[in-house]
Amino acid sequence: MATTVTVSYPADVSDWERDQLTTDHMRAYLKRSNDHAREGDTWDVFVDVGCCGTSPDIPLRVEHVAGDASLDETAELAFVEREAAGVDAGWDVQSEASPEN
């Protein structure tokens, strides 16, 4: 039986950050960088926002583990939203660059 891990992200991440969190390459990174998943574990991750701003570390939290706690290439990661955590980066994709940059 394959392991399924439910991971939550804060509600106050931007749409871009949410999209980046759920990509195949982020799933692969999370499995490579964490040997095991236990309910309550937190994983801080950085998502690239390109040239449009900065992104704080986003605290992911393991909400549920079904199956073996080992994370290998066959493990499945499911993402759910949880309460806001104060990680809003405060950047707007359509805002202009500062003249100081």
PDB file of N, CA and C in Angstrom:
ATOM      1  N   MET A   1       0.841  -1.177   0.000  1.00  0.00           N
ATOM      2  CA  MET A   1       0.000   0.000   0.000  1.00  0.00           C
ATOM      3  C   MET A   1       0.890   1.245   0.000  1.00  0.00           C
ATOM      4  N   ALA A   2       0.612   2.151  -0.908  1.00  0.00           N
ATOM      5  CA  ALA A   2       1.391   3.387  -0.992  1.00  0.00           C
ATOM      6  C   ALA A   2       1.018   4.317   0.157  1.00  0.00           C
ATOM      7  N   THR A   3       1.993   5.062   0.597  1.00  0.00           N
ATOM      8  CA  THR A   3       1.771   6.049   1.635  1.00  0.00           C
ATOM      9  C   THR A   3       1.089   7.273   1.034  1.00  0.00           C
ATOM     10  N   THR A   4       0.084   7.795   1.733  1.00  0.00           N
ATOM     11  CA  THR A   4      -0.539   9.059   1.355  1.00  0.00           C
ATOM     12  C   THR A   4      -0.390  10.015   2.527  1.00  0.00           C
ATOM     13  N   VAL A   5       0.188  11.172   2.250  1.00  0.00           N
ATOM     14  CA  VAL A   5       0.430  12.171   3.280  1.00  0.00           C
ATOM     15  C   VAL A   5      -0.375  13.420   2.928  1.00  0.00           C
ATOM     16  N   THR A   6      -1.195  13.871   3.871  1.00  0.00           N
ATOM     17  CA  THR A   6      -1.947  15.107   3.684  1.00  0.00           C
ATOM     18  C   THR A   6      -1.176  16.237   4.352  1.00  0.00           C
ATOM     19  N   VAL A   7      -0.834  17.235   3.550  1.00  0.00           N
ATOM     20  CA  VAL A   7      -0.027  18.362   3.995  1.00  0.00           C
ATOM     21  C   VAL A   7      -0.872  19.633   3.857  1.00  0.00           C
ATOM     22  N   SER A   8      -0.871  20.463   4.895  1.00  0.00           N
ATOM     23  CA  SER A   8      -1.637  21.711   4.814  1.00  0.00           C
ATOM     24  C   SER A   8      -0.707  22.902   4.627  1.00  0.00           C
ATOM     25  N   TYR A   9      -1.264  23.914   3.972  1.00  0.00           N
ATOM     26  CA  TYR A   9      -0.570  25.187   3.787  1.00  0.00           C
ATOM     27  C   TYR A   9      -1.481  26.291   4.325  1.00  0.00           C
ATOM     28  N   PRO A  10      -0.919  27.426   4.752  1.00  0.00           N
ATOM     29  CA  PRO A  10      -1.732  28.508   5.314  1.00  0.00           C
ATOM     30  C   PRO A  10      -2.640  29.152   4.259  1.00  0.00           C
ATOM     31  N   ALA A  11      -3.815  29.576   4.681  1.00  0.00           N
ATOM     32  CA  ALA A  11      -4.790  30.198   3.784  1.00  0.00           C
ATOM     33  C   ALA A  11      -4.300  31.515   3.210  1.00  0.00           C
ATOM     34  N   ASP A  12      -3.335  32.155   3.851  1.00  0.00           N
ATOM     35  CA  ASP A  12      -2.905  33.467   3.386  1.00  0.00           C
ATOM     36  C   ASP A  12      -1.734  33.447   2.405  1.00  0.00           C
ATOM     37  N   VAL A  13      -1.418  32.288   1.832  1.00  0.00           N
ATOM     38  CA  VAL A  13      -0.428  32.289   0.761  1.00  0.00           C
ATOM     39  C   VAL A  13      -1.097  32.839  -0.497  1.00  0.00           C
ATOM     40  N   SER A  14      -0.308  33.402  -1.374  1.00  0.00           N
ATOM     41  CA  SER A  14      -0.851  33.962  -2.619  1.00  0.00           C
ATOM     42  C   SER A  14      -1.262  32.821  -3.557  1.00  0.00           C
ATOM     43  N   ASP A  15      -2.018  33.162  -4.578  1.00  0.00           N
ATOM     44  CA  ASP A  15      -2.408  32.159  -5.575  1.00  0.00           C
ATOM     45  C   ASP A  15      -1.172  31.556  -6.240  1.00  0.00           C
ATOM     46  N   TRP A  16      -0.186  32.414  -6.535  1.00  0.00           N
ATOM     47  CA  TRP A  16       1.055  31.935  -7.163  1.00  0.00           C
ATOM     48  C   TRP A  16       1.770  30.938  -6.256  1.00  0.00           C
ATOM     49  N   GLU A  17       1.905  31.299  -4.976  1.00  0.00           N
ATOM     50  CA  GLU A  17       2.583  30.410  -4.028  1.00  0.00           C
ATOM     51  C   GLU A  17       1.830  29.090  -3.908  1.00  0.00           C
ATOM     52  N   ARG A  18       0.511  29.141  -3.859  1.00  0.00           N
ATOM     53  CA  ARG A  18      -0.305  27.926  -3.777  1.00  0.00           C
ATOM     54  C   ARG A  18      -0.059  27.042  -5.001  1.00  0.00           C
ATOM     55  N   ASP A  19      -0.032  27.656  -6.179  1.00  0.00           N
ATOM     56  CA  ASP A  19       0.238  26.898  -7.400  1.00  0.00           C
ATOM     57  C   ASP A  19       1.617  26.250  -7.352  1.00  0.00           C
ATOM     58  N   GLN A  20       2.614  26.985  -6.850  1.00  0.00           N
ATOM     59  CA  GLN A  20       3.972  26.457  -6.768  1.00  0.00           C
ATOM     60  C   GLN A  20       4.086  25.309  -5.763  1.00  0.00           C
ATOM     61  N   LEU A  21       3.341  25.410  -4.669  1.00  0.00           N
ATOM     62  CA  LEU A  21       3.391  24.365  -3.643  1.00  0.00           C
ATOM     63  C   LEU A  21       2.897  23.018  -4.154  1.00  0.00           C
ATOM     64  N   THR A  22       1.979  23.031  -5.095  1.00  0.00           N
ATOM     65  CA  THR A  22       1.345  21.790  -5.520  1.00  0.00           C
ATOM     66  C   THR A  22       1.898  21.231  -6.831  1.00  0.00           C
ATOM     67  N   THR A  23       3.036  21.764  -7.280  1.00  0.00           N
ATOM     68  CA  THR A  23       3.643  21.259  -8.513  1.00  0.00           C
ATOM     69  C   THR A  23       4.288  19.893  -8.278  1.00  0.00           C
ATOM     70  N   ASP A  24       4.508  19.184  -9.371  1.00  0.00           N
ATOM     71  CA  ASP A  24       5.191  17.892  -9.280  1.00  0.00           C
ATOM     72  C   ASP A  24       6.601  18.046  -8.734  1.00  0.00           C
ATOM     73  N   HIS A  25       7.308  19.132  -9.136  1.00  0.00           N
ATOM     74  CA  HIS A  25       8.690  19.281  -8.645  1.00  0.00           C
ATOM     75  C   HIS A  25       8.712  19.601  -7.150  1.00  0.00           C
ATOM     76  N   MET A  26       7.702  20.303  -6.618  1.00  0.00           N
ATOM     77  CA  MET A  26       7.655  20.540  -5.170  1.00  0.00           C
ATOM     78  C   MET A  26       7.350  19.227  -4.442  1.00  0.00           C
ATOM     79  N   ARG A  27       6.453  18.436  -4.985  1.00  0.00           N
ATOM     80  CA  ARG A  27       6.150  17.125  -4.377  1.00  0.00           C
ATOM     81  C   ARG A  27       7.412  16.262  -4.329  1.00  0.00           C
ATOM     82  N   ALA A  28       8.154  16.249  -5.425  1.00  0.00           N
ATOM     83  CA  ALA A  28       9.397  15.467  -5.472  1.00  0.00           C
ATOM     84  C   ALA A  28      10.408  16.001  -4.457  1.00  0.00           C
ATOM     85  N   TYR A  29      10.535  17.330  -4.369  1.00  0.00           N
ATOM     86  CA  TYR A  29      11.454  17.934  -3.405  1.00  0.00           C
ATOM     87  C   TYR A  29      11.075  17.544  -1.973  1.00  0.00           C
ATOM     88  N   LEU A  30       9.802  17.633  -1.639  1.00  0.00           N
ATOM     89  CA  LEU A  30       9.369  17.306  -0.273  1.00  0.00           C
ATOM     90  C   LEU A  30       9.666  15.850   0.070  1.00  0.00           C
ATOM     91  N   LYS A  31       9.495  14.958  -0.885  1.00  0.00           N
ATOM     92  CA  LYS A  31       9.780  13.537  -0.632  1.00  0.00           C
ATOM     93  C   LYS A  31      11.279  13.283  -0.489  1.00  0.00           C
ATOM     94  N   ARG A  32      12.091  13.992  -1.289  1.00  0.00           N
ATOM     95  CA  ARG A  32      13.545  13.819  -1.200  1.00  0.00           C
ATOM     96  C   ARG A  32      14.110  14.430   0.067  1.00  0.00           C
ATOM     97  N   SER A  33      13.540  15.531   0.528  1.00  0.00           N
ATOM     98  CA  SER A  33      14.121  16.254   1.656  1.00  0.00           C
ATOM     99  C   SER A  33      13.587  15.812   3.019  1.00  0.00           C
ATOM    100  N   ASN A  34      12.608  14.935   3.022  1.00  0.00           N
ATOM    101  CA  ASN A  34      12.039  14.421   4.275  1.00  0.00           C
ATOM    102  C   ASN A  34      11.948  12.903   4.190  1.00  0.00           C
ATOM    103  N   ASP A  35      12.680  12.225   5.044  1.00  0.00           N
ATOM    104  CA  ASP A  35      12.672  10.762   5.022  1.00  0.00           C
ATOM    105  C   ASP A  35      11.345  10.173   5.483  1.00  0.00           C
ATOM    106  N   HIS A  36      10.732  10.822   6.445  1.00  0.00           N
ATOM    107  CA  HIS A  36       9.494  10.330   7.042  1.00  0.00           C
ATOM    108  C   HIS A  36       8.501  11.472   7.190  1.00  0.00           C
ATOM    109  N   ALA A  37       7.251  11.119   7.342  1.00  0.00           N
ATOM    110  CA  ALA A  37       6.201  12.099   7.620  1.00  0.00           C
ATOM    111  C   ALA A  37       5.416  11.618   8.828  1.00  0.00           C
ATOM    112  N   ARG A  38       5.307  12.485   9.806  1.00  0.00           N
ATOM    113  CA  ARG A  38       4.527  12.171  11.008  1.00  0.00           C
ATOM    114  C   ARG A  38       3.529  13.295  11.218  1.00  0.00           C
ATOM    115  N   GLU A  39       2.327  12.955  11.637  1.00  0.00           N
ATOM    116  CA  GLU A  39       1.319  13.979  11.898  1.00  0.00           C
ATOM    117  C   GLU A  39       1.902  15.011  12.856  1.00  0.00           C
ATOM    118  N   GLY A  40       1.735  16.280  12.501  1.00  0.00           N
ATOM    119  CA  GLY A  40       2.259  17.378  13.309  1.00  0.00           C
ATOM    120  C   GLY A  40       3.603  17.894  12.848  1.00  0.00           C
ATOM    121  N   ASP A  41       4.327  17.134  12.012  1.00  0.00           N
ATOM    122  CA  ASP A  41       5.594  17.635  11.461  1.00  0.00           C
ATOM    123  C   ASP A  41       5.355  18.939  10.719  1.00  0.00           C
ATOM    124  N   THR A  42       6.318  19.847  10.780  1.00  0.00           N
ATOM    125  CA  THR A  42       6.251  21.061   9.971  1.00  0.00           C
ATOM    126  C   THR A  42       7.468  21.118   9.066  1.00  0.00           C
ATOM    127  N   TRP A  43       7.235  21.540   7.850  1.00  0.00           N
ATOM    128  CA  TRP A  43       8.288  21.683   6.857  1.00  0.00           C
ATOM    129  C   TRP A  43       8.208  23.102   6.307  1.00  0.00           C
ATOM    130  N   ASP A  44       9.253  23.887   6.499  1.00  0.00           N
ATOM    131  CA  ASP A  44       9.301  25.231   5.938  1.00  0.00           C
ATOM    132  C   ASP A  44       9.885  25.144   4.540  1.00  0.00           C
ATOM    133  N   VAL A  45       9.160  25.690   3.567  1.00  0.00           N
ATOM    134  CA  VAL A  45       9.624  25.658   2.179  1.00  0.00           C
ATOM    135  C   VAL A  45       9.618  27.052   1.594  1.00  0.00           C
ATOM    136  N   PHE A  46      10.473  27.255   0.628  1.00  0.00           N
ATOM    137  CA  PHE A  46      10.576  28.507  -0.116  1.00  0.00           C
ATOM    138  C   PHE A  46      10.042  28.262  -1.519  1.00  0.00           C
ATOM    139  N   VAL A  47       9.221  29.165  -2.003  1.00  0.00           N
ATOM    140  CA  VAL A  47       8.772  29.056  -3.389  1.00  0.00           C
ATOM    141  C   VAL A  47       9.299  30.259  -4.158  1.00  0.00           C
ATOM    142  N   ASP A  48       9.697  30.013  -5.381  1.00  0.00           N
ATOM    143  CA  ASP A  48      10.258  31.049  -6.224  1.00  0.00           C
ATOM    144  C   ASP A  48       9.146  31.969  -6.719  1.00  0.00           C
ATOM    145  N   VAL A  49       9.336  33.265  -6.545  1.00  0.00           N
ATOM    146  CA  VAL A  49       8.374  34.234  -7.064  1.00  0.00           C
ATOM    147  C   VAL A  49       8.974  35.019  -8.215  1.00  0.00           C
ATOM    148  N   GLY A  50      10.095  34.564  -8.735  1.00  0.00           N
ATOM    149  CA  GLY A  50      10.716  35.226  -9.875  1.00  0.00           C
ATOM    150  C   GLY A  50      11.228  36.602  -9.517  1.00  0.00           C
ATOM    151  N   CYS A  51      11.114  37.512 -10.457  1.00  0.00           N
ATOM    152  CA  CYS A  51      11.636  38.864 -10.260  1.00  0.00           C
ATOM    153  C   CYS A  51      10.608  39.813  -9.654  1.00  0.00           C
ATOM    154  N   CYS A  52       9.439  39.309  -9.312  1.00  0.00           N
ATOM    155  CA  CYS A  52       8.337  40.183  -8.903  1.00  0.00           C
ATOM    156  C   CYS A  52       8.285  40.474  -7.408  1.00  0.00           C
ATOM    157  N   GLY A  53       9.119  39.888  -6.613  1.00  0.00           N
ATOM    158  CA  GLY A  53       9.058  40.137  -5.181  1.00  0.00           C
ATOM    159  C   GLY A  53       9.816  39.096  -4.404  1.00  0.00           C
ATOM    160  N   THR A  54       9.530  39.052  -3.134  1.00  0.00           N
ATOM    161  CA  THR A  54      10.174  38.084  -2.263  1.00  0.00           C
ATOM    162  C   THR A  54       9.119  37.169  -1.681  1.00  0.00           C
ATOM    163  N   SER A  55       9.530  36.016  -1.262  1.00  0.00           N
ATOM    164  CA  SER A  55       8.613  35.055  -0.679  1.00  0.00           C
ATOM    165  C   SER A  55       9.186  34.572   0.645  1.00  0.00           C
ATOM    166  N   PRO A  56       8.401  34.644   1.706  1.00  0.00           N
ATOM    167  CA  PRO A  56       8.874  34.097   2.977  1.00  0.00           C
ATOM    168  C   PRO A  56       8.808  32.575   2.930  1.00  0.00           C
ATOM    169  N   ASP A  57       9.457  31.938   3.878  1.00  0.00           N
ATOM    170  CA  ASP A  57       9.284  30.491   3.997  1.00  0.00           C
ATOM    171  C   ASP A  57       7.825  30.223   4.324  1.00  0.00           C
ATOM    172  N   ILE A  58       7.295  29.194   3.722  1.00  0.00           N
ATOM    173  CA  ILE A  58       5.902  28.819   3.949  1.00  0.00           C
ATOM    174  C   ILE A  58       5.892  27.584   4.835  1.00  0.00           C
ATOM    175  N   PRO A  59       5.223  27.669   5.983  1.00  0.00           N
ATOM    176  CA  PRO A  59       5.180  26.515   6.883  1.00  0.00           C
ATOM    177  C   PRO A  59       4.116  25.507   6.445  1.00  0.00           C
ATOM    178  N   LEU A  60       4.578  24.354   5.994  1.00  0.00           N
ATOM    179  CA  LEU A  60       3.670  23.258   5.686  1.00  0.00           C
ATOM    180  C   LEU A  60       3.548  22.395   6.935  1.00  0.00           C
ATOM    181  N   ARG A  61       2.397  21.786   7.129  1.00  0.00           N
ATOM    182  CA  ARG A  61       2.191  20.933   8.299  1.00  0.00           C
ATOM    183  C   ARG A  61       1.593  19.608   7.842  1.00  0.00           C
ATOM    184  N   VAL A  62       2.155  18.509   8.349  1.00  0.00           N
ATOM    185  CA  VAL A  62       1.615  17.185   8.049  1.00  0.00           C
ATOM    186  C   VAL A  62       0.366  16.995   8.899  1.00  0.00           C
ATOM    187  N   GLU A  63      -0.763  16.832   8.227  1.00  0.00           N
ATOM    188  CA  GLU A  63      -2.043  16.682   8.915  1.00  0.00           C
ATOM    189  C   GLU A  63      -2.424  15.231   9.130  1.00  0.00           C
ATOM    190  N   HIS A  64      -2.082  14.373   8.149  1.00  0.00           N
ATOM    191  CA  HIS A  64      -2.479  12.962   8.244  1.00  0.00           C
ATOM    192  C   HIS A  64      -1.517  12.101   7.428  1.00  0.00           C
ATOM    193  N   VAL A  65      -1.227  10.921   7.931  1.00  0.00           N
ATOM    194  CA  VAL A  65      -0.401   9.953   7.214  1.00  0.00           C
ATOM    195  C   VAL A  65      -1.165   8.640   7.151  1.00  0.00           C
ATOM    196  N   ALA A  66      -1.394   8.159   5.939  1.00  0.00           N
ATOM    197  CA  ALA A  66      -2.047   6.866   5.736  1.00  0.00           C
ATOM    198  C   ALA A  66      -1.005   5.923   5.139  1.00  0.00           C
ATOM    199  N   GLY A  67      -0.726   4.850   5.834  1.00  0.00           N
ATOM    200  CA  GLY A  67       0.288   3.914   5.375  1.00  0.00           C
ATOM    201  C   GLY A  67       1.591   4.122   6.125  1.00  0.00           C
ATOM    202  N   ASP A  68       2.656   3.610   5.551  1.00  0.00           N
ATOM    203  CA  ASP A  68       3.993   3.709   6.123  1.00  0.00           C
ATOM    204  C   ASP A  68       4.421   5.175   6.178  1.00  0.00           C
ATOM    205  N   ALA A  69       5.109   5.560   7.219  1.00  0.00           N
ATOM    206  CA  ALA A  69       5.540   6.951   7.378  1.00  0.00           C
ATOM    207  C   ALA A  69       6.741   7.298   6.496  1.00  0.00           C
ATOM    208  N   SER A  70       7.345   6.296   5.846  1.00  0.00           N
ATOM    209  CA  SER A  70       8.496   6.558   4.980  1.00  0.00           C
ATOM    210  C   SER A  70       8.049   7.266   3.712  1.00  0.00           C
ATOM    211  N   LEU A  71       8.814   8.277   3.327  1.00  0.00           N
ATOM    212  CA  LEU A  71       8.525   8.988   2.087  1.00  0.00           C
ATOM    213  C   LEU A  71       9.488   8.512   1.013  1.00  0.00           C
ATOM    214  N   ASP A  72       8.960   7.807   0.041  1.00  0.00           N
ATOM    215  CA  ASP A  72       9.763   7.407  -1.102  1.00  0.00           C
ATOM    216  C   ASP A  72       9.053   7.907  -2.355  1.00  0.00           C
ATOM    217  N   GLU A  73       9.568   7.528  -3.508  1.00  0.00           N
ATOM    218  CA  GLU A  73       9.001   8.035  -4.759  1.00  0.00           C
ATOM    219  C   GLU A  73       7.559   7.597  -4.996  1.00  0.00           C
ATOM    220  N   THR A  74       7.094   6.553  -4.314  1.00  0.00           N
ATOM    221  CA  THR A  74       5.716   6.099  -4.503  1.00  0.00           C
ATOM    222  C   THR A  74       4.724   6.797  -3.578  1.00  0.00           C
ATOM    223  N   ALA A  75       5.207   7.526  -2.591  1.00  0.00           N
ATOM    224  CA  ALA A  75       4.322   8.222  -1.656  1.00  0.00           C
ATOM    225  C   ALA A  75       3.530   9.299  -2.396  1.00  0.00           C
ATOM    226  N   GLU A  76       2.287   9.454  -2.001  1.00  0.00           N
ATOM    227  CA  GLU A  76       1.439  10.489  -2.583  1.00  0.00           C
ATOM    228  C   GLU A  76       1.275  11.622  -1.582  1.00  0.00           C
ATOM    229  N   LEU A  77       1.336  12.849  -2.077  1.00  0.00           N
ATOM    230  CA  LEU A  77       1.139  14.025  -1.231  1.00  0.00           C
ATOM    231  C   LEU A  77      -0.141  14.723  -1.657  1.00  0.00           C
ATOM    232  N   ALA A  78      -1.021  14.966  -0.701  1.00  0.00           N
ATOM    233  CA  ALA A  78      -2.255  15.718  -0.940  1.00  0.00           C
ATOM    234  C   ALA A  78      -2.147  17.020  -0.163  1.00  0.00           C
ATOM    235  N   PHE A  79      -2.623  18.104  -0.750  1.00  0.00           N
ATOM    236  CA  PHE A  79      -2.531  19.414  -0.119  1.00  0.00           C
ATOM    237  C   PHE A  79      -3.916  19.931   0.244  1.00  0.00           C
ATOM    238  N   VAL A  80      -4.015  20.503   1.438  1.00  0.00           N
ATOM    239  CA  VAL A  80      -5.249  21.136   1.906  1.00  0.00           C
ATOM    240  C   VAL A  80      -4.896  22.479   2.515  1.00  0.00           C
ATOM    241  N   GLU A  81      -5.876  23.365   2.550  1.00  0.00           N
ATOM    242  CA  GLU A  81      -5.686  24.686   3.136  1.00  0.00           C
ATOM    243  C   GLU A  81      -6.045  24.649   4.615  1.00  0.00           C
ATOM    244  N   ARG A  82      -5.324  25.445   5.421  1.00  0.00           N
ATOM    245  CA  ARG A  82      -5.648  25.581   6.838  1.00  0.00           C
ATOM    246  C   ARG A  82      -5.749  27.071   7.170  1.00  0.00           C
ATOM    247  N   GLU A  83      -5.919  27.403   8.438  1.00  0.00           N
ATOM    248  CA  GLU A  83      -6.053  28.799   8.851  1.00  0.00           C
ATOM    249  C   GLU A  83      -4.823  29.611   8.439  1.00  0.00           C
ATOM    250  N   ALA A  84      -5.019  30.911   8.301  1.00  0.00           N
ATOM    251  CA  ALA A  84      -3.934  31.819   7.929  1.00  0.00           C
ATOM    252  C   ALA A  84      -2.828  31.772   8.986  1.00  0.00           C
ATOM    253  N   ALA A  85      -1.594  31.998   8.530  1.00  0.00           N
ATOM    254  CA  ALA A  85      -0.449  31.926   9.439  1.00  0.00           C
ATOM    255  C   ALA A  85       0.404  33.187   9.402  1.00  0.00           C
ATOM    256  N   GLY A  86      -0.080  34.244   8.754  1.00  0.00           N
ATOM    257  CA  GLY A  86       0.689  35.483   8.700  1.00  0.00           C
ATOM    258  C   GLY A  86       1.870  35.426   7.766  1.00  0.00           C
ATOM    259  N   VAL A  87       1.763  34.666   6.657  1.00  0.00           N
ATOM    260  CA  VAL A  87       2.884  34.549   5.725  1.00  0.00           C
ATOM    261  C   VAL A  87       2.676  35.338   4.449  1.00  0.00           C
ATOM    262  N   ASP A  88       1.633  36.140   4.362  1.00  0.00           N
ATOM    263  CA  ASP A  88       1.378  36.917   3.153  1.00  0.00           C
ATOM    264  C   ASP A  88       2.611  37.753   2.834  1.00  0.00           C
ATOM    265  N   ALA A  89       3.160  37.540   1.656  1.00  0.00           N
ATOM    266  CA  ALA A  89       4.390  38.233   1.269  1.00  0.00           C
ATOM    267  C   ALA A  89       4.149  39.698   0.947  1.00  0.00           C
ATOM    268  N   GLY A  90       2.894  40.068   0.733  1.00  0.00           N
ATOM    269  CA  GLY A  90       2.592  41.462   0.484  1.00  0.00           C
ATOM    270  C   GLY A  90       3.063  41.971  -0.863  1.00  0.00           C
ATOM    271  N   TRP A  91       3.270  41.106  -1.840  1.00  0.00           N
ATOM    272  CA  TRP A  91       3.688  41.555  -3.149  1.00  0.00           C
ATOM    273  C   TRP A  91       2.549  41.368  -4.127  1.00  0.00           C
ATOM    274  N   ASP A  92       2.553  42.179  -5.145  1.00  0.00           N
ATOM    275  CA  ASP A  92       1.510  42.157  -6.157  1.00  0.00           C
ATOM    276  C   ASP A  92       2.188  42.001  -7.504  1.00  0.00           C
ATOM    277  N   VAL A  93       1.820  40.983  -8.244  1.00  0.00           N
ATOM    278  CA  VAL A  93       2.462  40.692  -9.527  1.00  0.00           C
ATOM    279  C   VAL A  93       2.368  41.875 -10.475  1.00  0.00           C
ATOM    280  N   GLN A  94       1.307  42.666 -10.356  1.00  0.00           N
ATOM    281  CA  GLN A  94       1.117  43.759 -11.290  1.00  0.00           C
ATOM    282  C   GLN A  94       1.715  45.066 -10.816  1.00  0.00           C
ATOM    283  N   SER A  95       2.294  45.121  -9.634  1.00  0.00           N
ATOM    284  CA  SER A  95       2.889  46.365  -9.150  1.00  0.00           C
ATOM    285  C   SER A  95       4.205  46.623  -9.876  1.00  0.00           C
ATOM    286  N   GLU A  96       4.543  47.878 -10.012  1.00  0.00           N
ATOM    287  CA  GLU A  96       5.782  48.241 -10.706  1.00  0.00           C
ATOM    288  C   GLU A  96       6.965  48.121  -9.767  1.00  0.00           C
ATOM    289  N   ALA A  97       8.112  47.909 -10.333  1.00  0.00           N
ATOM    290  CA  ALA A  97       9.345  47.822  -9.551  1.00  0.00           C
ATOM    291  C   ALA A  97       9.647  49.182  -8.946  1.00  0.00           C
ATOM    292  N   SER A  98      10.237  49.161  -7.802  1.00  0.00           N
ATOM    293  CA  SER A  98      10.638  50.395  -7.130  1.00  0.00           C
ATOM    294  C   SER A  98      11.758  51.055  -7.917  1.00  0.00           C
ATOM    295  N   PRO A  99      11.757  52.396  -8.010  1.00  0.00           N
ATOM    296  CA  PRO A  99      12.844  53.065  -8.730  1.00  0.00           C
ATOM    297  C   PRO A  99      14.194  52.853  -8.053  1.00  0.00           C
ATOM    298  N   GLU A 100      14.182  52.410  -6.800  1.00  0.00           N
ATOM    299  CA  GLU A 100      15.428  52.172  -6.074  1.00  0.00           C
ATOM    300  C   GLU A 100      16.070  50.851  -6.450  1.00  0.00           C
ATOM    301  N   ASN A 101      15.347  50.007  -7.162  1.00  0.00           N
ATOM    302  CA  ASN A 101      15.872  48.676  -7.526  1.00  0.00           C
ATOM    303  C   ASN A 101      16.628  48.727  -8.796  1.00  0.00           C
TER     304      ASN A 101
END
